[in-house]
Each structure stands twice: as structure tokens, then as C-alpha cells.
Amino acid sequence: MNILWDEAKSKKLRSDRDIDFENVAHIIPDKKYLAILKNPKRPQQRIFVVSYKGYTHVVPFVIDGKDNIVLKTVFPSRKLHKLYGEKKP
């Protein structure tokens, strides 16, 4: 199982959000993600929940016909940060 992504999208994410697919790709094989969730808006997708630079990010993905993980985008999530990222007193 390989992890694939669009390199142009990765560069755009780097410039817009200071994160790219390479930052999160090493987290997946090591199983250092916080959770894998169903995507409520797109039934064919699932979501990796990852921590990057102290904040919780969402990484939607699909499994293609060759069992590759295809990453779609990366974005910070305030909602999931409240569930997975904030330290409880």
C-alpha cells in the first residue's frame, strides 16, 4: 500500500497553510494519527485526524483500485482540535 498525492496540490497547501502532504505522509505508516473517521459529506472518503505543530488537522483520503491511499487535502480543524488536541486540566 502506497501513499499518493497531487504534487501541485501539496505545493499550494505549503504556501497557503504551511503544511503539505509530505508532513503527514510519514504519520500514516507509523500509525501515529489520532483517528480515522468516516467523511460525513463524502461517503467514499475517510479522514485521518493528525496532529501537526500542536494543532489537529484533517486529511481526507480514498483507497484506489490498487489499494493505494490517495490524500486529497489537509486543513486545520477547530472542531476536532477540541476533541483530540486540547489538553484537559
Protein backbone atom coordinates (compact mmCIF):
# COMPACT_ATOMS: atom_id res chain seq x y z
CA MET A 1 0.00 0.00 0.00
CA ASN A 2 1.49 3.30 -1.14
CA ILE A 3 0.55 6.83 -0.14
CA LEU A 4 -0.10 9.07 -3.14
CA TRP A 5 -0.97 12.74 -3.64
CA ASP A 6 -1.03 15.52 -6.20
CA GLU A 7 2.30 17.34 -6.04
CA ALA A 8 0.81 20.64 -7.29
CA LYS A 9 -1.82 20.46 -4.53
CA SER A 10 0.93 19.78 -1.98
CA LYS A 11 2.82 22.92 -3.06
CA LYS A 12 -0.36 25.00 -2.84
CA LEU A 13 -1.05 23.67 0.67
CA ARG A 14 2.52 24.55 1.68
CA SER A 15 2.11 28.15 0.52
CA ASP A 16 -1.46 28.61 1.79
CA ARG A 17 -1.49 26.61 5.05
CA ASP A 18 2.17 25.96 5.95
CA ILE A 19 1.62 22.21 5.71
CA ASP A 20 1.89 19.73 2.86
CA PHE A 21 1.28 16.05 2.21
CA GLU A 22 4.89 15.14 2.97
CA ASN A 23 4.43 16.48 6.51
CA VAL A 24 1.65 13.99 7.19
CA ALA A 25 2.63 11.06 4.93
CA HIS A 26 5.13 9.68 7.47
CA ILE A 27 2.46 9.65 10.19
CA ILE A 28 0.23 7.15 8.39
CA PRO A 29 2.51 4.07 8.09
CA ASP A 30 3.68 4.58 11.68
CA LYS A 31 0.03 4.74 12.82
CA LYS A 32 0.71 7.98 14.70
CA TYR A 33 -2.57 9.52 13.58
CA LEU A 34 -5.16 10.35 16.22
CA ALA A 35 -8.12 8.68 14.50
CA ILE A 36 -9.62 7.51 11.23
CA LEU A 37 -13.17 8.75 10.71
CA LYS A 38 -15.84 8.47 8.04
CA ASN A 39 -16.26 11.61 5.98
CA PRO A 40 -19.85 12.73 6.69
CA LYS A 41 -20.11 14.69 3.44
CA ARG A 42 -18.46 12.20 1.09
CA PRO A 43 -19.31 8.55 1.78
CA GLN A 44 -16.48 7.22 -0.44
CA GLN A 45 -13.86 9.09 1.64
CA ARG A 46 -12.40 8.59 5.07
CA ILE A 47 -10.44 11.07 7.18
CA PHE A 48 -7.13 10.80 9.02
CA VAL A 49 -7.03 13.04 12.08
CA VAL A 50 -3.41 14.08 12.70
CA SER A 51 -1.55 16.44 14.98
CA TYR A 52 0.91 18.81 13.31
CA LYS A 53 2.77 21.61 15.11
CA GLY A 54 0.48 21.26 18.11
CA TYR A 55 -2.78 21.56 16.19
CA THR A 56 -5.28 19.00 14.90
CA HIS A 57 -5.57 18.64 11.13
CA VAL A 58 -7.94 16.70 8.88
CA VAL A 59 -6.59 14.69 5.94
CA PRO A 60 -9.37 13.30 3.70
CA PHE A 61 -8.36 10.26 1.63
CA VAL A 62 -9.65 7.48 -0.58
CA ILE A 63 -8.39 3.97 -1.27
CA ASP A 64 -7.94 3.48 -5.02
CA GLY A 65 -8.37 0.28 -7.04
CA LYS A 66 -4.77 -0.75 -6.32
CA ASP A 67 -5.15 -0.33 -2.53
CA ASN A 68 -3.16 2.92 -2.50
CA ILE A 69 -4.05 5.67 -0.06
CA VAL A 70 -4.72 8.84 -2.07
CA LEU A 71 -4.56 12.00 0.05
CA LYS A 72 -6.94 14.76 -1.05
CA THR A 73 -6.13 17.81 1.10
CA VAL A 74 -5.04 18.90 4.59
CA PHE A 75 -6.71 21.52 6.74
CA PRO A 76 -6.81 22.54 10.41
CA SER A 77 -9.99 21.68 12.31
CA ARG A 78 -11.11 23.69 15.31
CA LYS A 79 -13.91 21.19 15.99
CA LEU A 80 -11.62 18.16 16.02
CA HIS A 81 -8.93 20.07 17.91
CA LYS A 82 -11.40 20.47 20.75
CA LEU A 83 -11.94 16.70 20.76
CA TYR A 84 -8.40 15.44 20.11
CA GLY A 85 -5.92 18.22 20.65
CA GLU A 86 -6.68 20.37 23.63
CA LYS A 87 -5.09 19.39 26.88
CA LYS A 88 -7.63 18.75 29.60
CA PRO A 89 -6.88 20.16 33.10
